[in-house]
Amino acid sequence: MRFIKKLAILFLLTFPLAASSLPGSCVSYAGQDPRLKEMIRLADAIHGKFQVPWTYAQKVVELAYEAAKKSTAVTALDVLAVIYIESSFREAAVHHIGPSVGLMQINVLHHKIPDLKKPEVNINAGVDILDEYHQKGRDISYTLVSYNAGPSRAKQLCSKSGACETAYVKKFRKAREWLKGVKNNKEFKT
């Protein structure tokens, strides 16, 4: 319980605007807003599994939730699952083969967006790209293959029936299941 109190206090100090709408007690807020509670669980699990600072994990989770609000194709868990497999939540990640950068590994040759190394820019750009591919495709699997391999390659890899079970899609599903378990307060392995 002491650990939960510390997390609550850290969250209130880190995100005073979100905290300003909460009741006076720094611990009682967790029962008031299930979304904040799940965001804290996600940040805690990401912090533990990927060894990133807790405040940074909380920032990434918050950015994912905000970006997903504007999306027609993806949820916050989808965004976090892409970050999980693309960069392991490492802000400064750079792909070893191609010029892809940031949390969502945006290819800088295909997407000329300034400041892609900033988490908020990278996440918003990644969600915009996922939305764009989703509008051209059929489902989340096709969208993910397009994101990972490009739209032309997705057409080759995905059958006309819509089957798009690539290794990337399988990794995504596994990451999303882990995140969903954390969000729903189930036991999880770090």
N, C-alpha and C. Protein backbone atom coordinates (compact mmCIF):
# COMPACT_ATOMS: atom_id res chain seq x y z
N MET A 1 0.83 -1.19 0.00
CA MET A 1 0.00 0.00 0.00
C MET A 1 0.87 1.25 0.00
N ARG A 2 1.99 1.21 0.71
CA ARG A 2 2.89 2.36 0.76
C ARG A 2 3.39 2.71 -0.64
N PHE A 3 3.68 1.68 -1.46
CA PHE A 3 4.15 1.88 -2.83
C PHE A 3 3.09 2.60 -3.66
N ILE A 4 1.82 2.22 -3.50
CA ILE A 4 0.71 2.85 -4.22
C ILE A 4 0.62 4.33 -3.83
N LYS A 5 0.77 4.60 -2.54
CA LYS A 5 0.72 6.00 -2.08
C LYS A 5 1.84 6.82 -2.72
N LYS A 6 3.05 6.23 -2.79
CA LYS A 6 4.17 6.93 -3.42
C LYS A 6 3.89 7.21 -4.89
N LEU A 7 3.32 6.22 -5.57
CA LEU A 7 2.98 6.41 -6.98
C LEU A 7 1.94 7.50 -7.15
N ALA A 8 0.95 7.50 -6.28
CA ALA A 8 -0.09 8.52 -6.37
C ALA A 8 0.48 9.91 -6.15
N ILE A 9 1.33 10.05 -5.16
CA ILE A 9 1.96 11.34 -4.88
C ILE A 9 2.83 11.77 -6.05
N LEU A 10 3.63 10.84 -6.59
CA LEU A 10 4.48 11.14 -7.74
C LEU A 10 3.64 11.60 -8.92
N PHE A 11 2.52 10.91 -9.18
CA PHE A 11 1.64 11.29 -10.29
C PHE A 11 1.08 12.69 -10.07
N LEU A 12 0.63 12.98 -8.85
CA LEU A 12 0.06 14.30 -8.56
C LEU A 12 1.08 15.41 -8.72
N LEU A 13 2.33 15.14 -8.35
CA LEU A 13 3.38 16.13 -8.51
C LEU A 13 3.79 16.29 -9.97
N THR A 14 3.74 15.19 -10.72
CA THR A 14 4.18 15.21 -12.11
C THR A 14 3.12 15.80 -13.03
N PHE A 15 1.86 15.51 -12.75
CA PHE A 15 0.77 15.95 -13.62
C PHE A 15 -0.26 16.75 -12.82
N PRO A 16 0.11 17.98 -12.41
CA PRO A 16 -0.79 18.75 -11.55
C PRO A 16 -2.13 19.10 -12.20
N LEU A 17 -2.17 19.28 -13.53
CA LEU A 17 -3.45 19.61 -14.16
C LEU A 17 -4.42 18.45 -14.06
N ALA A 18 -3.95 17.24 -14.32
CA ALA A 18 -4.82 16.07 -14.19
C ALA A 18 -5.22 15.90 -12.73
N ALA A 19 -4.28 16.18 -11.84
CA ALA A 19 -4.55 16.00 -10.42
C ALA A 19 -5.52 17.04 -9.87
N SER A 20 -5.58 18.22 -10.51
CA SER A 20 -6.43 19.29 -9.99
C SER A 20 -7.90 18.91 -10.00
N SER A 21 -8.29 17.97 -10.84
CA SER A 21 -9.69 17.56 -10.90
C SER A 21 -9.99 16.42 -9.93
N LEU A 22 -8.99 15.99 -9.18
CA LEU A 22 -9.16 14.87 -8.27
C LEU A 22 -9.54 15.34 -6.88
N PRO A 23 -10.17 14.47 -6.09
CA PRO A 23 -10.49 14.82 -4.70
C PRO A 23 -9.23 15.09 -3.89
N GLY A 24 -9.41 15.71 -2.71
CA GLY A 24 -8.29 16.13 -1.89
C GLY A 24 -7.27 15.07 -1.54
N SER A 25 -7.68 13.89 -1.17
CA SER A 25 -6.74 12.85 -0.78
C SER A 25 -5.99 12.31 -1.99
N CYS A 26 -4.66 12.26 -1.89
CA CYS A 26 -3.86 11.81 -3.02
C CYS A 26 -4.01 10.31 -3.27
N VAL A 27 -4.53 9.57 -2.34
CA VAL A 27 -4.71 8.14 -2.54
C VAL A 27 -6.13 7.83 -3.00
N SER A 28 -7.10 8.60 -2.52
CA SER A 28 -8.50 8.29 -2.83
C SER A 28 -8.83 8.47 -4.31
N TYR A 29 -8.03 9.23 -5.05
CA TYR A 29 -8.34 9.48 -6.46
C TYR A 29 -8.36 8.20 -7.27
N ALA A 30 -7.54 7.22 -6.91
CA ALA A 30 -7.41 6.00 -7.70
C ALA A 30 -8.76 5.29 -7.85
N GLY A 31 -9.57 5.33 -6.81
CA GLY A 31 -10.88 4.70 -6.89
C GLY A 31 -11.89 5.55 -7.65
N GLN A 32 -11.59 6.82 -7.85
CA GLN A 32 -12.52 7.73 -8.48
C GLN A 32 -12.48 7.68 -10.00
N ASP A 33 -11.33 7.50 -10.58
CA ASP A 33 -11.19 7.55 -12.03
C ASP A 33 -10.48 6.30 -12.53
N PRO A 34 -11.23 5.35 -13.07
CA PRO A 34 -10.62 4.09 -13.52
C PRO A 34 -9.57 4.30 -14.60
N ARG A 35 -9.73 5.33 -15.43
CA ARG A 35 -8.75 5.58 -16.49
C ARG A 35 -7.39 5.95 -15.90
N LEU A 36 -7.39 6.80 -14.88
CA LEU A 36 -6.12 7.16 -14.23
C LEU A 36 -5.50 5.94 -13.56
N LYS A 37 -6.34 5.12 -12.97
CA LYS A 37 -5.86 3.92 -12.30
C LYS A 37 -5.17 2.98 -13.31
N GLU A 38 -5.80 2.78 -14.46
CA GLU A 38 -5.20 1.89 -15.46
C GLU A 38 -3.94 2.52 -16.06
N MET A 39 -3.93 3.84 -16.21
CA MET A 39 -2.72 4.50 -16.73
C MET A 39 -1.55 4.33 -15.77
N ILE A 40 -1.83 4.42 -14.48
CA ILE A 40 -0.77 4.23 -13.48
C ILE A 40 -0.28 2.79 -13.51
N ARG A 41 -1.20 1.82 -13.62
CA ARG A 41 -0.79 0.41 -13.72
C ARG A 41 0.08 0.18 -14.95
N LEU A 42 -0.31 0.77 -16.08
CA LEU A 42 0.48 0.61 -17.32
C LEU A 42 1.86 1.23 -17.15
N ALA A 43 1.91 2.44 -16.61
CA ALA A 43 3.21 3.11 -16.42
C ALA A 43 4.10 2.30 -15.48
N ASP A 44 3.52 1.78 -14.42
CA ASP A 44 4.29 0.99 -13.46
C ASP A 44 4.85 -0.27 -14.12
N ALA A 45 4.03 -0.95 -14.92
CA ALA A 45 4.48 -2.18 -15.59
C ALA A 45 5.54 -1.88 -16.64
N ILE A 46 5.37 -0.81 -17.39
CA ILE A 46 6.36 -0.41 -18.40
C ILE A 46 7.67 -0.05 -17.72
N HIS A 47 7.57 0.69 -16.64
CA HIS A 47 8.76 1.05 -15.85
C HIS A 47 9.50 -0.22 -15.41
N GLY A 48 8.77 -1.18 -14.90
CA GLY A 48 9.39 -2.41 -14.41
C GLY A 48 9.97 -3.28 -15.50
N LYS A 49 9.23 -3.46 -16.58
CA LYS A 49 9.66 -4.36 -17.65
C LYS A 49 10.80 -3.78 -18.49
N PHE A 50 10.72 -2.49 -18.78
CA PHE A 50 11.69 -1.88 -19.71
C PHE A 50 12.74 -1.01 -19.02
N GLN A 51 12.68 -0.93 -17.69
CA GLN A 51 13.67 -0.19 -16.92
C GLN A 51 13.81 1.27 -17.36
N VAL A 52 12.68 1.91 -17.63
CA VAL A 52 12.67 3.34 -17.95
C VAL A 52 12.17 4.07 -16.70
N PRO A 53 12.53 5.33 -16.53
CA PRO A 53 12.04 6.07 -15.37
C PRO A 53 10.51 6.07 -15.32
N TRP A 54 9.96 6.01 -14.10
CA TRP A 54 8.52 5.92 -13.96
C TRP A 54 7.82 7.14 -14.55
N THR A 55 8.36 8.33 -14.31
CA THR A 55 7.72 9.55 -14.84
C THR A 55 7.72 9.55 -16.36
N TYR A 56 8.77 9.00 -16.95
CA TYR A 56 8.83 8.89 -18.42
C TYR A 56 7.79 7.89 -18.91
N ALA A 57 7.65 6.76 -18.24
CA ALA A 57 6.65 5.76 -18.62
C ALA A 57 5.25 6.38 -18.53
N GLN A 58 4.99 7.15 -17.48
CA GLN A 58 3.70 7.81 -17.31
C GLN A 58 3.45 8.80 -18.45
N LYS A 59 4.48 9.54 -18.83
CA LYS A 59 4.35 10.50 -19.93
C LYS A 59 4.00 9.79 -21.24
N VAL A 60 4.67 8.69 -21.53
CA VAL A 60 4.41 7.94 -22.76
C VAL A 60 2.99 7.38 -22.75
N VAL A 61 2.56 6.85 -21.62
CA VAL A 61 1.20 6.32 -21.51
C VAL A 61 0.18 7.44 -21.74
N GLU A 62 0.40 8.57 -21.11
CA GLU A 62 -0.51 9.71 -21.27
C GLU A 62 -0.55 10.17 -22.73
N LEU A 63 0.61 10.26 -23.38
CA LEU A 63 0.66 10.66 -24.79
C LEU A 63 -0.06 9.65 -25.68
N ALA A 64 0.08 8.38 -25.38
CA ALA A 64 -0.61 7.34 -26.16
C ALA A 64 -2.13 7.48 -26.03
N TYR A 65 -2.60 7.73 -24.82
CA TYR A 65 -4.04 7.90 -24.61
C TYR A 65 -4.54 9.14 -25.35
N GLU A 66 -3.79 10.23 -25.28
CA GLU A 66 -4.20 11.47 -25.97
C GLU A 66 -4.22 11.29 -27.48
N ALA A 67 -3.19 10.67 -28.03
CA ALA A 67 -3.11 10.47 -29.49
C ALA A 67 -4.22 9.53 -29.96
N ALA A 68 -4.51 8.50 -29.19
CA ALA A 68 -5.54 7.53 -29.58
C ALA A 68 -6.93 8.15 -29.58
N LYS A 69 -7.15 9.18 -28.76
CA LYS A 69 -8.45 9.86 -28.75
C LYS A 69 -8.80 10.41 -30.13
N LYS A 70 -7.78 10.86 -30.86
CA LYS A 70 -7.98 11.48 -32.17
C LYS A 70 -8.00 10.46 -33.31
N SER A 71 -7.71 9.22 -32.98
CA SER A 71 -7.57 8.19 -34.00
C SER A 71 -8.88 7.52 -34.35
N THR A 72 -8.99 7.13 -35.62
CA THR A 72 -10.15 6.35 -36.05
C THR A 72 -9.80 4.87 -36.13
N ALA A 73 -8.52 4.55 -36.00
CA ALA A 73 -8.07 3.18 -36.23
C ALA A 73 -7.51 2.47 -35.01
N VAL A 74 -6.91 3.19 -34.10
CA VAL A 74 -6.18 2.53 -33.02
C VAL A 74 -6.60 3.03 -31.64
N THR A 75 -6.41 2.16 -30.66
CA THR A 75 -6.64 2.51 -29.26
C THR A 75 -5.30 2.84 -28.60
N ALA A 76 -5.37 3.30 -27.38
CA ALA A 76 -4.14 3.59 -26.64
C ALA A 76 -3.30 2.33 -26.46
N LEU A 77 -3.96 1.19 -26.22
CA LEU A 77 -3.21 -0.07 -26.07
C LEU A 77 -2.53 -0.46 -27.38
N ASP A 78 -3.18 -0.18 -28.51
CA ASP A 78 -2.56 -0.46 -29.81
C ASP A 78 -1.29 0.39 -29.97
N VAL A 79 -1.38 1.65 -29.61
CA VAL A 79 -0.23 2.57 -29.71
C VAL A 79 0.90 2.06 -28.81
N LEU A 80 0.57 1.72 -27.58
CA LEU A 80 1.59 1.22 -26.65
C LEU A 80 2.19 -0.10 -27.13
N ALA A 81 1.38 -0.95 -27.76
CA ALA A 81 1.89 -2.23 -28.28
C ALA A 81 2.87 -1.98 -29.43
N VAL A 82 2.59 -1.01 -30.29
CA VAL A 82 3.52 -0.67 -31.37
C VAL A 82 4.82 -0.14 -30.78
N ILE A 83 4.72 0.72 -29.77
CA ILE A 83 5.93 1.24 -29.11
C ILE A 83 6.71 0.09 -28.47
N TYR A 84 6.01 -0.82 -27.84
CA TYR A 84 6.62 -2.00 -27.21
C TYR A 84 7.50 -2.74 -28.21
N ILE A 85 6.95 -3.04 -29.40
CA ILE A 85 7.72 -3.86 -30.35
C ILE A 85 8.69 -3.05 -31.20
N GLU A 86 8.41 -1.77 -31.41
CA GLU A 86 9.28 -0.96 -32.26
C GLU A 86 10.53 -0.47 -31.52
N SER A 87 10.38 -0.03 -30.28
CA SER A 87 11.51 0.62 -29.60
C SER A 87 11.74 0.16 -28.17
N SER A 88 10.91 -0.73 -27.66
CA SER A 88 10.99 -1.14 -26.24
C SER A 88 10.97 0.08 -25.32
N PHE A 89 10.18 1.08 -25.71
CA PHE A 89 9.99 2.30 -24.94
C PHE A 89 11.28 3.12 -24.78
N ARG A 90 12.21 2.97 -25.72
CA ARG A 90 13.43 3.77 -25.70
C ARG A 90 13.24 4.98 -26.60
N GLU A 91 13.22 6.14 -26.00
CA GLU A 91 12.96 7.39 -26.71
C GLU A 91 13.97 7.66 -27.82
N ALA A 92 15.21 7.34 -27.59
CA ALA A 92 16.28 7.65 -28.56
C ALA A 92 16.57 6.49 -29.51
N ALA A 93 15.67 5.53 -29.60
CA ALA A 93 15.90 4.37 -30.46
C ALA A 93 16.07 4.78 -31.92
N VAL A 94 17.05 4.17 -32.56
CA VAL A 94 17.30 4.37 -33.99
C VAL A 94 17.45 2.98 -34.58
N HIS A 95 16.74 2.72 -35.67
CA HIS A 95 16.77 1.40 -36.29
C HIS A 95 18.17 1.09 -36.81
N HIS A 96 18.61 -0.14 -36.66
CA HIS A 96 19.97 -0.54 -37.04
C HIS A 96 20.17 -0.61 -38.56
N ILE A 97 19.10 -0.74 -39.32
CA ILE A 97 19.24 -0.84 -40.77
C ILE A 97 18.84 0.47 -41.45
N GLY A 98 17.64 0.90 -41.20
CA GLY A 98 17.12 2.08 -41.89
C GLY A 98 17.05 3.30 -41.00
N PRO A 99 16.71 4.41 -41.58
CA PRO A 99 16.67 5.66 -40.81
C PRO A 99 15.33 5.86 -40.09
N SER A 100 14.98 4.95 -39.21
CA SER A 100 13.75 5.07 -38.42
C SER A 100 14.12 5.48 -37.01
N VAL A 101 13.35 6.43 -36.45
CA VAL A 101 13.72 7.00 -35.15
C VAL A 101 12.53 7.05 -34.19
N GLY A 102 12.87 7.14 -32.92
CA GLY A 102 11.90 7.39 -31.87
C GLY A 102 11.12 6.18 -31.40
N LEU A 103 10.19 6.46 -30.53
CA LEU A 103 9.39 5.43 -29.89
C LEU A 103 8.66 4.54 -30.89
N MET A 104 8.10 5.15 -31.93
CA MET A 104 7.32 4.38 -32.91
C MET A 104 8.11 4.11 -34.18
N GLN A 105 9.41 4.40 -34.14
CA GLN A 105 10.32 4.10 -35.25
C GLN A 105 9.77 4.60 -36.60
N ILE A 106 9.61 5.91 -36.69
CA ILE A 106 9.13 6.55 -37.91
C ILE A 106 10.29 6.65 -38.89
N ASN A 107 10.06 6.22 -40.12
CA ASN A 107 11.08 6.28 -41.17
C ASN A 107 11.19 7.72 -41.66
N VAL A 108 12.35 8.33 -41.43
CA VAL A 108 12.53 9.74 -41.75
C VAL A 108 12.66 10.00 -43.26
N LEU A 109 12.94 8.98 -44.04
CA LEU A 109 13.00 9.17 -45.49
C LEU A 109 11.59 9.25 -46.10
N HIS A 110 10.66 8.51 -45.54
CA HIS A 110 9.29 8.49 -46.05
C HIS A 110 8.40 9.55 -45.42
N HIS A 111 8.72 9.93 -44.20
CA HIS A 111 7.88 10.88 -43.46
C HIS A 111 8.75 12.05 -43.00
N LYS A 112 8.67 13.13 -43.73
CA LYS A 112 9.49 14.32 -43.44
C LYS A 112 8.80 15.18 -42.38
N ILE A 113 8.98 14.78 -41.14
CA ILE A 113 8.34 15.46 -40.01
C ILE A 113 9.45 15.94 -39.08
N PRO A 114 9.47 17.24 -38.77
CA PRO A 114 10.51 17.74 -37.86
C PRO A 114 10.30 17.25 -36.42
N ASP A 115 11.38 17.15 -35.69
CA ASP A 115 11.38 16.82 -34.26
C ASP A 115 10.82 15.43 -33.95
N LEU A 116 11.07 14.46 -34.82
CA LEU A 116 10.56 13.11 -34.60
C LEU A 116 11.15 12.42 -33.38
N LYS A 117 12.22 12.95 -32.85
CA LYS A 117 12.81 12.32 -31.66
C LYS A 117 12.06 12.71 -30.39
N LYS A 118 11.21 13.72 -30.48
CA LYS A 118 10.40 14.11 -29.32
C LYS A 118 9.23 13.13 -29.19
N PRO A 119 9.01 12.57 -28.00
CA PRO A 119 7.96 11.57 -27.83
C PRO A 119 6.58 12.02 -28.32
N GLU A 120 6.18 13.25 -28.00
CA GLU A 120 4.84 13.70 -28.39
C GLU A 120 4.70 13.80 -29.91
N VAL A 121 5.74 14.27 -30.58
CA VAL A 121 5.72 14.36 -32.04
C VAL A 121 5.72 12.96 -32.66
N ASN A 122 6.58 12.10 -32.14
CA ASN A 122 6.72 10.75 -32.67
C ASN A 122 5.43 9.94 -32.52
N ILE A 123 4.83 10.00 -31.35
CA ILE A 123 3.61 9.24 -31.11
C ILE A 123 2.46 9.77 -31.98
N ASN A 124 2.30 11.08 -32.05
CA ASN A 124 1.23 11.65 -32.89
C ASN A 124 1.45 11.31 -34.36
N ALA A 125 2.69 11.37 -34.81
CA ALA A 125 3.00 11.02 -36.20
C ALA A 125 2.73 9.55 -36.45
N GLY A 126 3.13 8.69 -35.53
CA GLY A 126 2.88 7.26 -35.67
C GLY A 126 1.40 6.93 -35.75
N VAL A 127 0.60 7.59 -34.93
CA VAL A 127 -0.85 7.36 -34.95
C VAL A 127 -1.45 7.88 -36.26
N ASP A 128 -0.97 9.03 -36.74
CA ASP A 128 -1.44 9.54 -38.04
C ASP A 128 -1.13 8.56 -39.17
N ILE A 129 0.07 7.98 -39.14
CA ILE A 129 0.47 7.01 -40.16
C ILE A 129 -0.40 5.76 -40.07
N LEU A 130 -0.63 5.27 -38.85
CA LEU A 130 -1.50 4.10 -38.68
C LEU A 130 -2.91 4.39 -39.20
N ASP A 131 -3.43 5.59 -38.91
CA ASP A 131 -4.75 5.97 -39.41
C ASP A 131 -4.78 6.00 -40.94
N GLU A 132 -3.74 6.58 -41.52
CA GLU A 132 -3.65 6.65 -42.99
C GLU A 132 -3.65 5.25 -43.60
N TYR A 133 -2.84 4.34 -43.06
CA TYR A 133 -2.78 2.98 -43.58
C TYR A 133 -4.09 2.24 -43.34
N HIS A 134 -4.74 2.52 -42.22
CA HIS A 134 -6.01 1.86 -41.93
C HIS A 134 -7.08 2.27 -42.95
N GLN A 135 -7.08 3.53 -43.36
CA GLN A 135 -8.05 3.99 -44.35
C GLN A 135 -7.85 3.29 -45.69
N LYS A 136 -6.61 2.93 -46.00
CA LYS A 136 -6.31 2.26 -47.26
C LYS A 136 -6.51 0.75 -47.18
N GLY A 137 -6.52 0.23 -45.97
CA GLY A 137 -6.54 -1.23 -45.78
C GLY A 137 -7.87 -1.74 -45.31
N ARG A 138 -7.79 -2.91 -44.67
CA ARG A 138 -9.01 -3.61 -44.28
C ARG A 138 -9.19 -3.68 -42.77
N ASP A 139 -8.14 -3.99 -42.05
CA ASP A 139 -8.26 -4.21 -40.62
C ASP A 139 -6.94 -3.86 -39.94
N ILE A 140 -6.88 -4.09 -38.64
CA ILE A 140 -5.69 -3.73 -37.88
C ILE A 140 -4.47 -4.54 -38.33
N SER A 141 -4.65 -5.79 -38.71
CA SER A 141 -3.52 -6.60 -39.16
C SER A 141 -2.90 -6.01 -40.42
N TYR A 142 -3.74 -5.68 -41.38
CA TYR A 142 -3.26 -5.07 -42.63
C TYR A 142 -2.58 -3.73 -42.34
N THR A 143 -3.18 -2.96 -41.44
CA THR A 143 -2.62 -1.67 -41.04
C THR A 143 -1.23 -1.86 -40.44
N LEU A 144 -1.08 -2.85 -39.57
CA LEU A 144 0.21 -3.11 -38.93
C LEU A 144 1.28 -3.58 -39.92
N VAL A 145 0.90 -4.44 -40.85
CA VAL A 145 1.86 -4.91 -41.86
C VAL A 145 2.28 -3.73 -42.74
N SER A 146 1.34 -2.85 -43.07
CA SER A 146 1.68 -1.65 -43.84
C SER A 146 2.64 -0.76 -43.06
N TYR A 147 2.38 -0.60 -41.77
CA TYR A 147 3.24 0.22 -40.90
C TYR A 147 4.64 -0.36 -40.83
N ASN A 148 4.73 -1.67 -40.71
CA ASN A 148 6.02 -2.34 -40.54
C ASN A 148 6.79 -2.50 -41.84
N ALA A 149 6.12 -2.91 -42.89
CA ALA A 149 6.81 -3.26 -44.14
C ALA A 149 6.50 -2.32 -45.29
N GLY A 150 5.55 -1.43 -45.12
CA GLY A 150 5.13 -0.53 -46.19
C GLY A 150 3.90 -1.06 -46.89
N PRO A 151 3.09 -0.16 -47.46
CA PRO A 151 1.84 -0.56 -48.11
C PRO A 151 2.03 -1.52 -49.28
N SER A 152 3.06 -1.32 -50.08
CA SER A 152 3.29 -2.21 -51.23
C SER A 152 3.58 -3.63 -50.77
N ARG A 153 4.43 -3.74 -49.78
CA ARG A 153 4.78 -5.07 -49.25
C ARG A 153 3.58 -5.71 -48.55
N ALA A 154 2.74 -4.90 -47.91
CA ALA A 154 1.55 -5.42 -47.25
C ALA A 154 0.62 -6.08 -48.28
N LYS A 155 0.49 -5.47 -49.44
CA LYS A 155 -0.35 -6.07 -50.49
C LYS A 155 0.18 -7.44 -50.90
N GLN A 156 1.50 -7.58 -50.93
CA GLN A 156 2.11 -8.86 -51.28
C GLN A 156 1.94 -9.89 -50.17
N LEU A 157 2.12 -9.46 -48.93
CA LEU A 157 2.10 -10.38 -47.80
C LEU A 157 0.71 -10.82 -47.37
N CYS A 158 -0.26 -9.97 -47.59
CA CYS A 158 -1.62 -10.26 -47.12
C CYS A 158 -2.46 -10.83 -48.25
N SER A 159 -3.11 -11.92 -47.97
CA SER A 159 -3.93 -12.57 -49.00
C SER A 159 -5.21 -11.77 -49.24
N LYS A 160 -5.86 -12.07 -50.32
CA LYS A 160 -7.12 -11.40 -50.67
C LYS A 160 -8.18 -11.63 -49.61
N SER A 161 -8.11 -12.76 -48.93
CA SER A 161 -9.10 -13.07 -47.90
C SER A 161 -8.89 -12.23 -46.64
N GLY A 162 -7.78 -11.53 -46.58
CA GLY A 162 -7.52 -10.66 -45.44
C GLY A 162 -6.56 -11.24 -44.42
N ALA A 163 -6.09 -12.46 -44.65
CA ALA A 163 -5.17 -13.08 -43.70
C ALA A 163 -3.82 -12.35 -43.72
N CYS A 164 -3.47 -11.81 -42.60
CA CYS A 164 -2.24 -11.02 -42.48
C CYS A 164 -1.48 -11.40 -41.22
N GLU A 165 -1.24 -12.66 -41.01
CA GLU A 165 -0.59 -13.11 -39.78
C GLU A 165 0.92 -13.20 -39.97
N THR A 166 1.58 -12.05 -40.03
CA THR A 166 3.03 -12.02 -40.13
C THR A 166 3.64 -12.10 -38.73
N ALA A 167 4.94 -12.24 -38.65
CA ALA A 167 5.62 -12.26 -37.35
C ALA A 167 5.39 -10.95 -36.61
N TYR A 168 5.35 -9.84 -37.34
CA TYR A 168 5.12 -8.53 -36.73
C TYR A 168 3.74 -8.47 -36.07
N VAL A 169 2.73 -8.95 -36.78
CA VAL A 169 1.37 -8.95 -36.24
C VAL A 169 1.29 -9.85 -35.00
N LYS A 170 1.98 -10.97 -35.02
CA LYS A 170 1.99 -11.87 -33.86
C LYS A 170 2.66 -11.20 -32.65
N LYS A 171 3.77 -10.49 -32.91
CA LYS A 171 4.43 -9.75 -31.82
C LYS A 171 3.49 -8.69 -31.26
N PHE A 172 2.80 -7.99 -32.16
CA PHE A 172 1.85 -6.96 -31.75
C PHE A 172 0.77 -7.56 -30.85
N ARG A 173 0.19 -8.67 -31.28
CA ARG A 173 -0.88 -9.31 -30.49
C ARG A 173 -0.38 -9.73 -29.11
N LYS A 174 0.83 -10.25 -29.06
CA LYS A 174 1.41 -10.68 -27.78
C LYS A 174 1.63 -9.46 -26.86
N ALA A 175 2.19 -8.39 -27.43
CA ALA A 175 2.42 -7.16 -26.65
C ALA A 175 1.10 -6.57 -26.17
N ARG A 176 0.11 -6.55 -27.04
CA ARG A 176 -1.19 -5.99 -26.69
C ARG A 176 -1.86 -6.81 -25.60
N GLU A 177 -1.73 -8.12 -25.66
CA GLU A 177 -2.31 -8.97 -24.62
C GLU A 177 -1.65 -8.70 -23.26
N TRP A 178 -0.34 -8.52 -23.27
CA TRP A 178 0.35 -8.19 -22.02
C TRP A 178 -0.16 -6.86 -21.47
N LEU A 179 -0.24 -5.86 -22.34
CA LEU A 179 -0.72 -4.53 -21.92
C LEU A 179 -2.17 -4.60 -21.43
N LYS A 180 -2.99 -5.37 -22.12
CA LYS A 180 -4.40 -5.52 -21.73
C LYS A 180 -4.49 -6.17 -20.34
N GLY A 181 -3.66 -7.17 -20.09
CA GLY A 181 -3.63 -7.80 -18.78
C GLY A 181 -3.25 -6.82 -17.68
N VAL A 182 -2.26 -5.98 -17.97
CA VAL A 182 -1.84 -4.96 -17.01
C VAL A 182 -2.98 -3.98 -16.77
N LYS A 183 -3.57 -3.50 -17.85
CA LYS A 183 -4.67 -2.52 -17.77
C LYS A 183 -5.83 -3.07 -16.94
N ASN A 184 -6.15 -4.33 -17.14
CA ASN A 184 -7.27 -4.95 -16.44
C ASN A 184 -6.90 -5.49 -15.07
N ASN A 185 -5.68 -5.14 -14.63
CA ASN A 185 -5.21 -5.49 -13.28
C ASN A 185 -5.06 -6.98 -13.08
N LYS A 186 -4.65 -7.69 -14.11
CA LYS A 186 -4.38 -9.11 -13.97
C LYS A 186 -2.90 -9.27 -13.68
N GLU A 187 -2.55 -10.45 -13.21
CA GLU A 187 -1.14 -10.74 -12.97
C GLU A 187 -0.36 -10.62 -14.28
N PHE A 188 0.83 -10.06 -14.19
CA PHE A 188 1.66 -9.94 -15.38
C PHE A 188 3.11 -10.19 -15.02
N LYS A 189 3.86 -10.67 -16.00
CA LYS A 189 5.29 -10.89 -15.81
C LYS A 189 6.03 -9.70 -16.37
N THR A 190 7.04 -9.26 -15.65
CA THR A 190 7.86 -8.17 -16.18
C THR A 190 9.07 -8.71 -16.88
